[in-house]
């Protein structure tokens, strides 16, 4: 067999390693056995004894970029082999559930991937769903501590992301962050880091002067998954952002 790149296909919270050769799809046996809690050597011996089975040694390029020699079975053999696994002999209910999921759906997952080029990354989707649910819990815990307009806008955004829709927001209650405002002015990277602190302090001072109190604070989730507190401004305060920018520009101009 010729060398080819092996594909990692997310399935049932695990990975199926497979590759296409011509019109046929081949599945790496050992990783599947590891997923199912089966002994790979014993399963290979079982497959070798079957007249209907097609198994070959293949040299493939793995995720680490190195070539590996693997015993692989074609899709038809893969399906028939899964069907021969007697789930009643498995020790735990969890193991039975995993094998049954493979018996019912693994072949379809391979077909979707290699025929349409589309696969659902279940790990990523589950992580995104969990993060959104955590955000909703944070928002609920903040009731009574943060301005309700800000909380409502954030909740609408999180729910819209969960349902794949566009959030319906009152423009004046849309959250407004210092980093986003400065980014809209073309300030990025290290310059943004230097400017954000000074901008935030000036903005807070102007907010207190207008409202007689400091702005509320809210928890946000950063791109790296960390949670930190920021002042909970909304679009209703955009004129204060503009005033802050004008003040800083004036100050910088006088210093120059």
Protein backbone atom coordinates (compact mmCIF):
# COMPACT_ATOMS: atom_id res chain seq x y z
CA UNK A 1 0.00 0.00 0.00
CA UNK A 2 1.19 3.54 -0.67
CA UNK A 3 1.81 6.02 2.12
CA UNK A 4 -0.98 8.43 2.94
CA UNK A 5 -2.02 10.79 5.72
CA UNK A 6 -4.26 9.31 8.36
CA UNK A 7 -7.34 11.30 9.32
CA UNK A 8 -8.52 11.78 12.91
CA UNK A 9 -12.31 11.66 12.95
CA UNK A 10 -14.11 12.74 16.14
CA UNK A 11 -16.75 10.26 17.21
CA UNK A 12 -18.60 9.75 20.49
CA UNK A 13 -16.03 11.79 22.40
CA UNK A 14 -13.20 9.72 20.94
CA UNK A 15 -11.14 9.59 17.74
CA UNK A 16 -11.36 7.12 14.85
CA UNK A 17 -8.12 6.96 12.86
CA UNK A 18 -8.80 6.21 9.20
CA UNK A 19 -7.58 6.99 5.71
CA UNK A 20 -8.80 6.63 2.16
CA UNK A 21 -6.98 4.54 -0.46
CA UNK A 22 -8.58 4.83 -3.87
CA UNK A 23 -12.29 4.15 -3.38
CA UNK A 24 -11.82 2.31 -0.07
CA UNK A 25 -11.69 3.59 3.50
CA UNK A 26 -9.43 1.80 5.98
CA UNK A 27 -9.62 2.05 9.76
CA UNK A 28 -6.68 1.56 12.16
CA UNK A 29 -7.58 -1.39 14.38
CA UNK A 30 -5.44 -0.78 17.49
CA UNK A 31 -6.77 2.72 18.31
CA UNK A 32 -10.34 1.45 17.92
CA UNK A 33 -9.64 -1.46 20.27
CA UNK A 34 -8.18 1.00 22.77
CA UNK A 35 -11.36 3.10 22.51
CA UNK A 36 -13.51 0.03 23.13
CA UNK A 37 -11.35 -1.47 25.89
CA UNK A 38 -10.52 -4.57 23.81
CA UNK A 39 -7.21 -6.38 23.34
CA UNK A 40 -5.94 -5.41 19.90
CA UNK A 41 -3.86 -8.58 19.38
CA UNK A 42 -6.80 -10.87 20.15
CA UNK A 43 -9.12 -8.89 17.89
CA UNK A 44 -6.64 -9.00 15.03
CA UNK A 45 -6.38 -12.78 15.39
CA UNK A 46 -10.20 -12.99 15.25
CA UNK A 47 -10.26 -10.87 12.10
CA UNK A 48 -7.49 -12.88 10.42
CA UNK A 49 -9.58 -16.04 10.82
CA UNK A 50 -12.61 -14.60 9.01
CA UNK A 51 -13.03 -15.29 5.28
CA UNK A 52 -14.95 -12.03 4.84
CA UNK A 53 -12.26 -9.86 6.42
CA UNK A 54 -9.81 -7.56 4.62
CA UNK A 55 -6.87 -6.43 6.72
CA UNK A 56 -3.61 -4.90 5.54
CA UNK A 57 -0.48 -3.35 6.95
CA UNK A 58 -0.34 0.29 5.93
CA UNK A 59 2.33 2.93 6.27
CA UNK A 60 0.60 6.14 7.26
CA UNK A 61 1.58 9.64 8.32
CA UNK A 62 0.27 10.20 11.84
CA UNK A 63 -0.72 13.38 13.66
CA UNK A 64 2.89 13.73 14.82
CA UNK A 65 4.06 13.99 11.19
CA UNK A 66 5.94 10.68 11.40
CA UNK A 67 5.32 7.51 9.41
CA UNK A 68 3.74 4.60 11.27
CA UNK A 69 2.98 1.07 10.15
CA UNK A 70 -0.52 0.08 11.22
CA UNK A 71 -2.83 -2.87 10.77
CA UNK A 72 -5.95 -1.51 9.13
CA UNK A 73 -9.28 -2.97 8.05
CA UNK A 74 -11.55 -1.73 5.32
CA UNK A 75 -14.93 -0.18 6.05
CA UNK A 76 -16.91 -3.36 5.28
CA UNK A 77 -14.71 -5.43 7.57
CA UNK A 78 -14.91 -2.70 10.21
CA UNK A 79 -18.72 -2.83 10.19
CA UNK A 80 -18.91 -6.63 10.24
CA UNK A 81 -16.26 -6.93 12.97
CA UNK A 82 -18.15 -4.49 15.20
CA UNK A 83 -21.30 -6.55 14.69
CA UNK A 84 -19.52 -9.68 15.96
CA UNK A 85 -18.65 -8.11 19.33
CA UNK A 86 -20.97 -9.67 21.93
CA UNK A 87 -21.88 -6.83 24.29
CA UNK A 88 -23.37 -9.29 26.81
CA UNK A 89 -19.84 -10.46 27.59
CA UNK A 90 -18.59 -6.99 28.44
CA UNK A 91 -18.11 -6.34 32.14
CA UNK A 92 -19.56 -2.86 32.54
CA UNK A 93 -22.61 -1.02 31.28
CA UNK A 94 -20.39 1.88 30.21
CA UNK A 95 -18.34 -0.44 27.98
CA UNK A 96 -21.53 -1.85 26.48
CA UNK A 97 -22.82 1.64 25.71
CA UNK A 98 -19.58 2.58 23.93
CA UNK A 99 -19.57 -0.57 21.77
CA UNK A 100 -23.25 -0.19 20.90
CA UNK A 101 -22.65 3.42 19.84
CA UNK A 102 -19.90 2.22 17.49
CA UNK A 103 -22.07 -0.57 16.14
CA UNK A 104 -24.91 1.83 15.39
CA UNK A 105 -23.18 4.98 14.17
CA UNK A 106 -19.43 4.66 13.50
CA UNK A 107 -19.77 3.55 9.89
CA UNK A 108 -22.11 6.46 9.16
CA UNK A 109 -19.59 8.86 10.71
CA UNK A 110 -16.89 7.54 8.37
CA UNK A 111 -19.16 7.87 5.36
CA UNK A 112 -20.09 11.46 6.23
CA UNK A 113 -16.46 12.41 6.66
CA UNK A 114 -15.01 10.83 3.53
CA UNK A 115 -18.00 11.37 1.23
CA UNK A 116 -18.94 14.93 2.15
CA UNK A 117 -15.79 16.15 3.86
CA UNK A 118 -17.88 17.24 6.85
CA UNK A 119 -17.50 16.03 10.40
CA UNK A 120 -18.88 17.45 13.63
CA UNK A 121 -16.10 18.05 16.12
CA UNK A 122 -17.97 16.86 19.20
CA UNK A 123 -15.16 17.87 21.57
CA UNK A 124 -15.27 21.46 20.38
CA UNK A 125 -19.06 21.69 20.36
CA UNK A 126 -19.32 20.26 23.86
CA UNK A 127 -16.65 22.65 25.16
CA UNK A 128 -18.41 25.64 23.60
CA UNK A 129 -21.76 24.54 25.03
CA UNK A 130 -20.26 24.09 28.50
CA UNK A 131 -18.64 27.53 28.36
CA UNK A 132 -21.94 29.15 27.40
CA UNK A 133 -23.73 27.39 30.26
CA UNK A 134 -21.03 28.57 32.66
CA UNK A 135 -21.50 32.10 31.38
CA UNK A 136 -25.24 31.88 32.03
CA UNK A 137 -24.58 30.69 35.59
CA UNK A 138 -22.25 33.65 36.15
CA UNK A 139 -24.88 36.05 34.85
CA UNK A 140 -27.54 34.54 37.11
CA UNK A 141 -25.22 34.82 40.12
CA UNK A 142 -24.65 38.49 39.30
CA UNK A 143 -28.33 39.45 39.56
CA UNK A 144 -28.68 42.39 41.93
CA UNK A 145 -24.96 43.18 41.66
CA UNK A 146 -24.77 44.43 38.07
CA UNK A 147 -27.05 46.77 36.16
CA UNK A 148 -29.97 44.70 34.80
CA UNK A 149 -29.65 46.17 31.28
CA UNK A 150 -26.10 44.87 31.02
CA UNK A 151 -27.10 41.45 32.35
CA UNK A 152 -30.02 41.19 29.94
CA UNK A 153 -27.86 42.07 26.95
CA UNK A 154 -25.18 39.55 27.93
CA UNK A 155 -27.78 36.84 28.49
CA UNK A 156 -29.33 37.50 25.06
CA UNK A 157 -25.90 37.19 23.43
CA UNK A 158 -25.11 33.89 25.16
CA UNK A 159 -28.53 32.42 24.31
CA UNK A 160 -28.22 33.51 20.67
CA UNK A 161 -24.84 31.78 20.39
CA UNK A 162 -26.34 28.61 21.86
CA UNK A 163 -29.23 28.58 19.36
CA UNK A 164 -27.20 29.83 16.38
CA UNK A 165 -29.31 32.96 16.03
CA UNK A 166 -28.56 36.69 15.93
CA UNK A 167 -29.21 38.29 19.34
CA UNK A 168 -32.01 40.86 19.51
CA UNK A 169 -30.59 43.69 21.60
CA UNK A 170 -31.68 47.18 22.56
CA UNK A 171 -28.79 49.20 21.09
CA UNK A 172 -28.40 51.19 24.32
CA UNK A 173 -27.99 48.04 26.46
CA UNK A 174 -25.38 46.34 24.26
CA UNK A 175 -22.19 45.77 26.29
CA UNK A 176 -19.33 48.10 25.38
CA UNK A 177 -15.76 47.24 26.36
CA UNK A 178 -12.71 49.49 26.45
CA UNK A 179 -10.67 47.06 24.35
CA UNK A 180 -13.37 46.88 21.67
CA UNK A 181 -13.76 50.67 21.57
CA UNK A 182 -10.02 51.25 21.22
CA UNK A 183 -9.76 48.44 18.68
CA UNK A 184 -12.39 50.22 16.62
CA UNK A 185 -10.05 53.23 16.58
CA UNK A 186 -7.27 51.10 15.13
CA UNK A 187 -5.34 50.61 18.36
CA UNK A 188 -4.05 47.05 18.74
CA UNK A 189 -1.26 44.97 20.24
CA UNK A 190 1.13 46.59 22.69
CA UNK A 191 -0.32 50.05 22.04
CA UNK A 192 -3.73 48.75 23.14
CA UNK A 193 -2.22 47.33 26.32
CA UNK A 194 -0.56 50.66 27.15
CA UNK A 195 -3.64 52.74 26.35
CA UNK A 196 -6.35 50.56 27.96
CA UNK A 197 -5.35 51.22 31.57
CA UNK A 198 -5.16 55.01 31.23
CA UNK A 199 -8.35 55.06 29.17
CA UNK A 200 -10.20 52.96 31.74
CA UNK A 201 -9.23 55.20 34.66
CA UNK A 202 -10.27 58.37 32.83
CA UNK A 203 -13.52 56.78 31.68
CA UNK A 204 -14.37 55.71 35.23
CA UNK A 205 -13.72 59.24 36.52
CA UNK A 206 -16.10 60.73 33.94
CA UNK A 207 -18.72 58.06 34.68
CA UNK A 208 -18.58 58.82 38.44
CA UNK A 209 -18.84 62.55 37.72
CA UNK A 210 -22.05 61.96 35.72
CA UNK A 211 -23.75 59.26 37.82
CA UNK A 212 -22.34 59.90 41.28
CA UNK A 213 -21.23 56.28 41.60
CA UNK A 214 -18.74 53.88 40.07
CA UNK A 215 -19.89 51.61 37.22
CA UNK A 216 -20.89 48.05 38.06
CA UNK A 217 -18.43 45.24 37.43
CA UNK A 218 -19.07 42.03 35.50
CA UNK A 219 -17.31 38.73 34.85
CA UNK A 220 -16.30 38.05 31.27
CA UNK A 221 -14.70 35.00 29.67
CA UNK A 222 -11.58 35.81 27.66
CA UNK A 223 -10.56 34.08 24.44
CA UNK A 224 -8.22 31.84 26.46
CA UNK A 225 -11.10 30.71 28.69
CA UNK A 226 -10.07 32.77 31.72
CA UNK A 227 -12.66 34.70 33.72
CA UNK A 228 -11.88 38.25 34.82
CA UNK A 229 -13.82 41.27 36.05
CA UNK A 230 -14.33 44.40 33.96
CA UNK A 231 -16.51 47.48 34.31
CA UNK A 232 -19.96 46.81 32.86
CA UNK A 233 -20.42 49.69 30.45
CA UNK A 234 -23.08 49.65 27.72
CA UNK A 235 -23.65 51.57 24.50
CA UNK A 236 -25.62 54.10 26.56
CA UNK A 237 -22.23 55.32 27.80
CA UNK A 238 -20.59 55.59 24.37
CA UNK A 239 -20.58 59.39 24.61
CA UNK A 240 -18.43 59.04 27.74
CA UNK A 241 -16.05 56.83 25.77
CA UNK A 242 -15.86 59.56 23.13
CA UNK A 243 -15.25 62.19 25.81
CA UNK A 244 -12.50 60.05 27.32
CA UNK A 245 -10.81 59.70 23.94
CA UNK A 246 -11.03 63.47 23.39
CA UNK A 247 -9.55 64.16 26.85
CA UNK A 248 -6.64 61.78 26.30
CA UNK A 249 -5.95 63.15 22.82
CA UNK A 250 -5.93 66.67 24.24
CA UNK A 251 -3.58 65.62 27.04
CA UNK A 252 -1.25 63.83 24.66
CA UNK A 253 -1.30 66.83 22.32
CA UNK A 254 -0.33 69.24 25.10
CA UNK A 255 2.47 66.93 26.27
CA UNK A 256 3.86 66.80 22.75
